[in-house]
Amino acid sequence: MIRVLLADDHEVIRFGLRLLINATKDLELVGSAADGMAAVSMALRESPDVVVMDLSMPLLNGIEATAEIKRERPKTRVLVLTSYTYDPIVRDAINAGASGYLLKDERAPRVIEAIRAVHRGEQPIAPSLSRSRGWWADPAGSPG
């Protein structure tokens, strides 16, 4: 079982992701946070394998929450799921420790596969965000 924590300030997004995760046999939802501080707190308490993280959230944004989670729980993987495609934001998320970066227009099966991929140590990225931009991790896994 892959233990998953959701972090998004939009209730409808959390609701949809909760349904998707609960319908997937190899995933277990361990928490759902509406802000970055709650996401960090739940991640420290629940030790999820993967956090699905929005970037725009109150109290602590997703980049700051990702950095804090990675600092305290380095084995936890973070999959960003957001609408932001602006290069500096993508770069900041990767540098904060995100293992993958998807956009909210992805199809449901792609999100599930990305959760599994980051759990395996892979680095899924939205097709519209080219790896050739130079801000994705190198094959050795260190941020670029």
N, C-alpha and C. Protein backbone atom coordinates (compact mmCIF):
# COMPACT_ATOMS: atom_id res chain seq x y z
N MET A 1 0.83 -1.20 0.00
CA MET A 1 0.00 0.00 0.00
C MET A 1 0.86 1.25 0.00
N ILE A 2 0.49 2.20 -0.82
CA ILE A 2 1.15 3.50 -0.85
C ILE A 2 0.30 4.46 -0.03
N ARG A 3 0.88 4.99 1.03
CA ARG A 3 0.16 5.90 1.93
C ARG A 3 0.25 7.33 1.35
N VAL A 4 -0.92 7.95 1.12
CA VAL A 4 -1.00 9.23 0.43
C VAL A 4 -1.65 10.29 1.32
N LEU A 5 -1.07 11.48 1.32
CA LEU A 5 -1.64 12.65 1.98
C LEU A 5 -1.96 13.68 0.90
N LEU A 6 -3.15 14.26 0.96
CA LEU A 6 -3.57 15.31 0.02
C LEU A 6 -3.40 16.67 0.67
N ALA A 7 -2.92 17.65 -0.10
CA ALA A 7 -2.81 19.02 0.39
C ALA A 7 -3.26 19.97 -0.71
N ASP A 8 -4.45 20.53 -0.54
CA ASP A 8 -5.00 21.48 -1.51
C ASP A 8 -6.04 22.32 -0.78
N ASP A 9 -6.06 23.62 -1.05
CA ASP A 9 -7.00 24.49 -0.35
C ASP A 9 -8.40 24.47 -0.95
N HIS A 10 -8.58 23.82 -2.07
CA HIS A 10 -9.90 23.74 -2.69
C HIS A 10 -10.59 22.43 -2.31
N GLU A 11 -11.72 22.55 -1.63
CA GLU A 11 -12.44 21.37 -1.14
C GLU A 11 -12.83 20.43 -2.27
N VAL A 12 -13.24 20.96 -3.39
CA VAL A 12 -13.70 20.11 -4.49
C VAL A 12 -12.53 19.30 -5.06
N ILE A 13 -11.34 19.85 -5.08
CA ILE A 13 -10.16 19.11 -5.55
C ILE A 13 -9.84 17.99 -4.57
N ARG A 14 -9.83 18.32 -3.27
CA ARG A 14 -9.57 17.28 -2.25
C ARG A 14 -10.61 16.17 -2.33
N PHE A 15 -11.88 16.56 -2.51
CA PHE A 15 -12.96 15.58 -2.60
C PHE A 15 -12.74 14.64 -3.79
N GLY A 16 -12.45 15.20 -4.95
CA GLY A 16 -12.23 14.38 -6.15
C GLY A 16 -11.02 13.47 -6.01
N LEU A 17 -9.92 14.01 -5.47
CA LEU A 17 -8.73 13.19 -5.27
C LEU A 17 -8.98 12.10 -4.23
N ARG A 18 -9.73 12.43 -3.21
CA ARG A 18 -10.08 11.44 -2.18
C ARG A 18 -10.85 10.27 -2.82
N LEU A 19 -11.83 10.58 -3.66
CA LEU A 19 -12.59 9.53 -4.34
C LEU A 19 -11.68 8.69 -5.23
N LEU A 20 -10.81 9.34 -5.95
CA LEU A 20 -9.88 8.66 -6.85
C LEU A 20 -8.95 7.73 -6.08
N ILE A 21 -8.37 8.22 -5.01
CA ILE A 21 -7.44 7.42 -4.21
C ILE A 21 -8.17 6.26 -3.53
N ASN A 22 -9.33 6.54 -2.96
CA ASN A 22 -10.08 5.49 -2.28
C ASN A 22 -10.55 4.39 -3.24
N ALA A 23 -10.66 4.70 -4.51
CA ALA A 23 -11.07 3.71 -5.52
C ALA A 23 -9.88 2.94 -6.10
N THR A 24 -8.68 3.24 -5.63
CA THR A 24 -7.47 2.61 -6.16
C THR A 24 -6.90 1.65 -5.11
N LYS A 25 -6.84 0.37 -5.45
CA LYS A 25 -6.53 -0.67 -4.47
C LYS A 25 -5.17 -0.55 -3.80
N ASP A 26 -4.17 -0.02 -4.49
CA ASP A 26 -2.84 0.02 -3.90
C ASP A 26 -2.53 1.36 -3.23
N LEU A 27 -3.53 2.23 -3.09
CA LEU A 27 -3.35 3.52 -2.44
C LEU A 27 -4.21 3.59 -1.18
N GLU A 28 -3.67 4.23 -0.15
CA GLU A 28 -4.40 4.44 1.09
C GLU A 28 -4.32 5.92 1.46
N LEU A 29 -5.45 6.58 1.60
CA LEU A 29 -5.48 7.98 2.00
C LEU A 29 -5.27 8.07 3.51
N VAL A 30 -4.22 8.80 3.93
CA VAL A 30 -3.93 8.93 5.37
C VAL A 30 -4.24 10.31 5.91
N GLY A 31 -4.61 11.25 5.03
CA GLY A 31 -4.95 12.58 5.49
C GLY A 31 -5.25 13.52 4.35
N SER A 32 -5.90 14.63 4.70
CA SER A 32 -6.30 15.63 3.73
C SER A 32 -6.19 17.00 4.39
N ALA A 33 -5.35 17.87 3.84
CA ALA A 33 -5.07 19.17 4.44
C ALA A 33 -5.52 20.30 3.52
N ALA A 34 -6.07 21.36 4.14
CA ALA A 34 -6.57 22.52 3.38
C ALA A 34 -5.59 23.68 3.36
N ASP A 35 -4.45 23.55 4.05
CA ASP A 35 -3.44 24.60 4.03
C ASP A 35 -2.06 23.98 4.24
N GLY A 36 -1.04 24.74 3.97
CA GLY A 36 0.32 24.22 4.05
C GLY A 36 0.76 23.83 5.44
N MET A 37 0.36 24.58 6.45
CA MET A 37 0.74 24.23 7.82
C MET A 37 0.11 22.91 8.24
N ALA A 38 -1.15 22.71 7.90
CA ALA A 38 -1.82 21.45 8.21
C ALA A 38 -1.16 20.30 7.45
N ALA A 39 -0.73 20.55 6.22
CA ALA A 39 -0.06 19.51 5.44
C ALA A 39 1.23 19.07 6.12
N VAL A 40 2.02 20.03 6.59
CA VAL A 40 3.27 19.69 7.28
C VAL A 40 2.96 18.91 8.55
N SER A 41 2.03 19.40 9.34
CA SER A 41 1.67 18.74 10.58
C SER A 41 1.20 17.30 10.34
N MET A 42 0.33 17.11 9.35
CA MET A 42 -0.16 15.76 9.05
C MET A 42 0.95 14.86 8.51
N ALA A 43 1.83 15.43 7.70
CA ALA A 43 2.93 14.64 7.15
C ALA A 43 3.86 14.15 8.27
N LEU A 44 4.11 15.01 9.25
CA LEU A 44 4.97 14.61 10.36
C LEU A 44 4.29 13.55 11.23
N ARG A 45 2.99 13.68 11.40
CA ARG A 45 2.24 12.74 12.24
C ARG A 45 1.96 11.41 11.54
N GLU A 46 1.59 11.46 10.27
CA GLU A 46 1.12 10.26 9.55
C GLU A 46 2.20 9.55 8.74
N SER A 47 3.33 10.20 8.50
CA SER A 47 4.43 9.62 7.70
C SER A 47 3.95 9.02 6.37
N PRO A 48 3.31 9.82 5.52
CA PRO A 48 2.87 9.28 4.23
C PRO A 48 4.05 8.94 3.34
N ASP A 49 3.83 8.05 2.39
CA ASP A 49 4.84 7.77 1.38
C ASP A 49 4.90 8.89 0.36
N VAL A 50 3.71 9.41 0.01
CA VAL A 50 3.59 10.45 -1.02
C VAL A 50 2.62 11.52 -0.55
N VAL A 51 3.02 12.78 -0.74
CA VAL A 51 2.12 13.91 -0.51
C VAL A 51 1.79 14.50 -1.88
N VAL A 52 0.50 14.62 -2.19
CA VAL A 52 0.05 15.30 -3.40
C VAL A 52 -0.19 16.75 -2.98
N MET A 53 0.63 17.66 -3.49
CA MET A 53 0.73 19.02 -2.96
C MET A 53 0.35 20.09 -3.99
N ASP A 54 -0.62 20.90 -3.63
CA ASP A 54 -0.92 22.12 -4.39
C ASP A 54 0.13 23.16 -4.00
N LEU A 55 0.35 24.15 -4.83
CA LEU A 55 1.33 25.18 -4.49
C LEU A 55 0.72 26.42 -3.88
N SER A 56 -0.48 26.78 -4.27
CA SER A 56 -1.11 27.99 -3.77
C SER A 56 -2.07 27.62 -2.64
N MET A 57 -1.59 27.80 -1.40
CA MET A 57 -2.40 27.49 -0.23
C MET A 57 -2.16 28.54 0.84
N PRO A 58 -3.13 28.71 1.74
CA PRO A 58 -2.96 29.68 2.83
C PRO A 58 -2.01 29.15 3.91
N LEU A 59 -1.58 30.08 4.74
CA LEU A 59 -0.73 29.86 5.91
C LEU A 59 0.70 29.48 5.57
N LEU A 60 0.89 28.57 4.66
CA LEU A 60 2.21 28.15 4.20
C LEU A 60 2.00 27.63 2.78
N ASN A 61 2.71 28.22 1.81
CA ASN A 61 2.45 27.77 0.44
C ASN A 61 3.05 26.38 0.21
N GLY A 62 2.71 25.78 -0.92
CA GLY A 62 3.14 24.42 -1.20
C GLY A 62 4.63 24.25 -1.32
N ILE A 63 5.33 25.27 -1.80
CA ILE A 63 6.79 25.18 -1.91
C ILE A 63 7.41 25.16 -0.51
N GLU A 64 6.95 26.06 0.35
CA GLU A 64 7.45 26.08 1.73
C GLU A 64 7.08 24.80 2.47
N ALA A 65 5.87 24.32 2.27
CA ALA A 65 5.44 23.08 2.93
C ALA A 65 6.25 21.89 2.43
N THR A 66 6.53 21.85 1.14
CA THR A 66 7.37 20.78 0.57
C THR A 66 8.74 20.78 1.21
N ALA A 67 9.36 21.96 1.29
CA ALA A 67 10.70 22.06 1.88
C ALA A 67 10.70 21.59 3.33
N GLU A 68 9.68 21.97 4.08
CA GLU A 68 9.61 21.58 5.50
C GLU A 68 9.40 20.07 5.63
N ILE A 69 8.52 19.51 4.83
CA ILE A 69 8.29 18.07 4.88
C ILE A 69 9.57 17.32 4.52
N LYS A 70 10.24 17.74 3.46
CA LYS A 70 11.47 17.07 3.04
C LYS A 70 12.58 17.21 4.09
N ARG A 71 12.61 18.32 4.78
CA ARG A 71 13.60 18.53 5.84
C ARG A 71 13.36 17.56 7.00
N GLU A 72 12.09 17.39 7.37
CA GLU A 72 11.75 16.57 8.52
C GLU A 72 11.53 15.09 8.19
N ARG A 73 11.07 14.81 6.98
CA ARG A 73 10.79 13.44 6.54
C ARG A 73 11.38 13.24 5.14
N PRO A 74 12.70 13.13 5.03
CA PRO A 74 13.34 13.08 3.71
C PRO A 74 12.88 11.94 2.82
N LYS A 75 12.37 10.85 3.39
CA LYS A 75 11.93 9.72 2.56
C LYS A 75 10.54 9.93 1.97
N THR A 76 9.79 10.90 2.48
CA THR A 76 8.47 11.20 1.93
C THR A 76 8.65 11.88 0.58
N ARG A 77 7.93 11.40 -0.41
CA ARG A 77 7.98 11.99 -1.76
C ARG A 77 6.84 12.99 -1.89
N VAL A 78 7.09 14.06 -2.64
CA VAL A 78 6.06 15.07 -2.87
C VAL A 78 5.79 15.16 -4.37
N LEU A 79 4.53 15.00 -4.72
CA LEU A 79 4.07 15.17 -6.09
C LEU A 79 3.28 16.47 -6.15
N VAL A 80 3.80 17.45 -6.84
CA VAL A 80 3.09 18.72 -7.00
C VAL A 80 1.97 18.51 -8.01
N LEU A 81 0.78 19.00 -7.67
CA LEU A 81 -0.37 19.00 -8.57
C LEU A 81 -0.95 20.40 -8.50
N THR A 82 -0.71 21.17 -9.55
CA THR A 82 -1.01 22.60 -9.53
C THR A 82 -1.39 23.09 -10.92
N SER A 83 -1.68 24.36 -11.03
CA SER A 83 -1.96 24.97 -12.33
C SER A 83 -0.80 25.85 -12.78
N TYR A 84 0.23 26.01 -11.96
CA TYR A 84 1.35 26.90 -12.28
C TYR A 84 2.34 26.28 -13.24
N THR A 85 2.63 27.01 -14.34
CA THR A 85 3.63 26.57 -15.32
C THR A 85 4.80 27.55 -15.42
N TYR A 86 4.77 28.59 -14.63
CA TYR A 86 5.80 29.63 -14.67
C TYR A 86 7.14 29.04 -14.21
N ASP A 87 8.17 29.12 -15.05
CA ASP A 87 9.45 28.46 -14.79
C ASP A 87 10.02 28.69 -13.39
N PRO A 88 10.05 29.92 -12.87
CA PRO A 88 10.63 30.09 -11.52
C PRO A 88 9.86 29.34 -10.44
N ILE A 89 8.56 29.21 -10.58
CA ILE A 89 7.77 28.48 -9.59
C ILE A 89 8.07 26.98 -9.70
N VAL A 90 8.12 26.47 -10.92
CA VAL A 90 8.47 25.06 -11.12
C VAL A 90 9.85 24.79 -10.54
N ARG A 91 10.80 25.63 -10.85
CA ARG A 91 12.18 25.48 -10.35
C ARG A 91 12.21 25.50 -8.83
N ASP A 92 11.48 26.43 -8.22
CA ASP A 92 11.44 26.51 -6.75
C ASP A 92 10.85 25.25 -6.14
N ALA A 93 9.82 24.70 -6.75
CA ALA A 93 9.20 23.47 -6.23
C ALA A 93 10.18 22.30 -6.31
N ILE A 94 10.89 22.20 -7.41
CA ILE A 94 11.88 21.13 -7.58
C ILE A 94 13.01 21.30 -6.57
N ASN A 95 13.49 22.52 -6.44
CA ASN A 95 14.57 22.78 -5.48
C ASN A 95 14.14 22.57 -4.04
N ALA A 96 12.85 22.71 -3.76
CA ALA A 96 12.33 22.47 -2.40
C ALA A 96 12.24 20.97 -2.10
N GLY A 97 12.33 20.15 -3.15
CA GLY A 97 12.31 18.70 -2.94
C GLY A 97 11.20 17.94 -3.61
N ALA A 98 10.40 18.60 -4.46
CA ALA A 98 9.33 17.89 -5.15
C ALA A 98 9.92 16.79 -6.04
N SER A 99 9.27 15.64 -6.02
CA SER A 99 9.71 14.49 -6.81
C SER A 99 9.03 14.44 -8.17
N GLY A 100 7.92 15.14 -8.32
CA GLY A 100 7.19 15.16 -9.57
C GLY A 100 6.37 16.43 -9.65
N TYR A 101 5.94 16.79 -10.87
CA TYR A 101 5.22 18.04 -11.08
C TYR A 101 4.19 17.83 -12.18
N LEU A 102 2.93 17.82 -11.78
CA LEU A 102 1.83 17.67 -12.74
C LEU A 102 0.92 18.89 -12.68
N LEU A 103 0.19 19.07 -13.76
CA LEU A 103 -0.79 20.16 -13.83
C LEU A 103 -2.18 19.60 -13.56
N LYS A 104 -3.05 20.46 -13.07
CA LYS A 104 -4.40 20.02 -12.68
C LYS A 104 -5.29 19.64 -13.86
N ASP A 105 -4.81 19.82 -15.07
CA ASP A 105 -5.60 19.38 -16.22
C ASP A 105 -5.28 17.94 -16.63
N GLU A 106 -4.47 17.24 -15.84
CA GLU A 106 -4.13 15.85 -16.13
C GLU A 106 -5.36 14.96 -15.97
N ARG A 107 -5.37 13.87 -16.69
CA ARG A 107 -6.44 12.88 -16.54
C ARG A 107 -6.19 12.07 -15.27
N ALA A 108 -7.26 11.56 -14.68
CA ALA A 108 -7.17 10.82 -13.41
C ALA A 108 -6.18 9.66 -13.44
N PRO A 109 -6.17 8.82 -14.48
CA PRO A 109 -5.21 7.71 -14.49
C PRO A 109 -3.75 8.19 -14.46
N ARG A 110 -3.49 9.32 -15.07
CA ARG A 110 -2.11 9.88 -15.08
C ARG A 110 -1.72 10.31 -13.67
N VAL A 111 -2.64 10.88 -12.91
CA VAL A 111 -2.34 11.29 -11.53
C VAL A 111 -2.03 10.05 -10.69
N ILE A 112 -2.83 9.01 -10.82
CA ILE A 112 -2.59 7.77 -10.07
C ILE A 112 -1.24 7.19 -10.44
N GLU A 113 -0.94 7.12 -11.73
CA GLU A 113 0.35 6.58 -12.15
C GLU A 113 1.50 7.45 -11.65
N ALA A 114 1.32 8.75 -11.59
CA ALA A 114 2.37 9.64 -11.09
C ALA A 114 2.62 9.41 -9.59
N ILE A 115 1.57 9.16 -8.83
CA ILE A 115 1.74 8.83 -7.41
C ILE A 115 2.58 7.57 -7.28
N ARG A 116 2.25 6.56 -8.06
CA ARG A 116 3.03 5.32 -8.04
C ARG A 116 4.47 5.56 -8.48
N ALA A 117 4.63 6.39 -9.50
CA ALA A 117 5.98 6.67 -10.04
C ALA A 117 6.87 7.37 -9.01
N VAL A 118 6.34 8.40 -8.35
CA VAL A 118 7.19 9.08 -7.36
C VAL A 118 7.49 8.13 -6.20
N HIS A 119 6.56 7.26 -5.86
CA HIS A 119 6.81 6.27 -4.82
C HIS A 119 7.97 5.34 -5.21
N ARG A 120 8.07 5.02 -6.50
CA ARG A 120 9.17 4.16 -7.01
C ARG A 120 10.47 4.93 -7.16
N GLY A 121 10.44 6.24 -6.95
CA GLY A 121 11.65 7.05 -7.10
C GLY A 121 11.80 7.71 -8.45
N GLU A 122 10.76 7.63 -9.27
CA GLU A 122 10.79 8.27 -10.58
C GLU A 122 10.36 9.73 -10.44
N GLN A 123 10.51 10.48 -11.53
CA GLN A 123 10.23 11.91 -11.51
C GLN A 123 9.26 12.30 -12.63
N PRO A 124 7.97 12.01 -12.46
CA PRO A 124 7.01 12.38 -13.51
C PRO A 124 6.86 13.90 -13.59
N ILE A 125 6.73 14.36 -14.81
CA ILE A 125 6.55 15.79 -15.04
C ILE A 125 5.51 15.96 -16.13
N ALA A 126 4.73 17.02 -16.03
CA ALA A 126 3.69 17.30 -17.03
C ALA A 126 4.33 17.39 -18.41
N PRO A 127 3.71 16.76 -19.39
CA PRO A 127 4.28 16.78 -20.75
C PRO A 127 4.51 18.19 -21.28
N SER A 128 3.70 19.15 -20.87
CA SER A 128 3.87 20.51 -21.38
C SER A 128 5.06 21.23 -20.75
N LEU A 129 5.64 20.65 -19.72
CA LEU A 129 6.82 21.24 -19.09
C LEU A 129 8.04 20.44 -19.52
N SER A 130 8.78 20.98 -20.44
CA SER A 130 9.90 20.26 -21.04
C SER A 130 11.07 20.12 -20.07
N ARG A 131 11.61 18.92 -19.98
CA ARG A 131 12.80 18.69 -19.16
C ARG A 131 14.00 19.47 -19.69
N SER A 132 13.95 19.87 -20.95
CA SER A 132 15.09 20.57 -21.54
C SER A 132 15.23 22.01 -21.03
N ARG A 133 14.27 22.47 -20.22
CA ARG A 133 14.37 23.82 -19.68
C ARG A 133 15.49 23.94 -18.65
N GLY A 134 15.98 22.81 -18.14
CA GLY A 134 17.13 22.85 -17.27
C GLY A 134 16.86 22.91 -15.79
N TRP A 135 15.60 22.82 -15.36
CA TRP A 135 15.33 22.91 -13.92
C TRP A 135 14.87 21.61 -13.32
N TRP A 136 14.97 20.51 -14.04
CA TRP A 136 14.60 19.22 -13.48
C TRP A 136 15.84 18.53 -12.95
N ALA A 137 15.65 17.57 -12.06
CA ALA A 137 16.79 16.87 -11.46
C ALA A 137 17.57 16.08 -12.52
N ASP A 138 18.87 15.97 -12.30
CA ASP A 138 19.69 15.18 -13.19
C ASP A 138 19.48 13.69 -12.88
N PRO A 139 19.99 12.79 -13.73
CA PRO A 139 19.75 11.36 -13.51
C PRO A 139 20.24 10.85 -12.15
N ALA A 140 21.19 11.51 -11.54
CA ALA A 140 21.69 11.08 -10.24
C ALA A 140 20.73 11.49 -9.13
N GLY A 141 19.76 12.33 -9.44
CA GLY A 141 18.75 12.70 -8.47
C GLY A 141 18.97 14.01 -7.73
N SER A 142 20.04 14.72 -8.04
CA SER A 142 20.25 16.00 -7.36
C SER A 142 19.58 17.10 -8.15
N PRO A 143 18.98 18.08 -7.48
CA PRO A 143 18.28 19.15 -8.20
C PRO A 143 19.20 19.89 -9.14
N GLY A 144 18.65 20.25 -10.31
CA GLY A 144 19.43 20.94 -11.33
C GLY A 144 19.48 22.41 -11.12
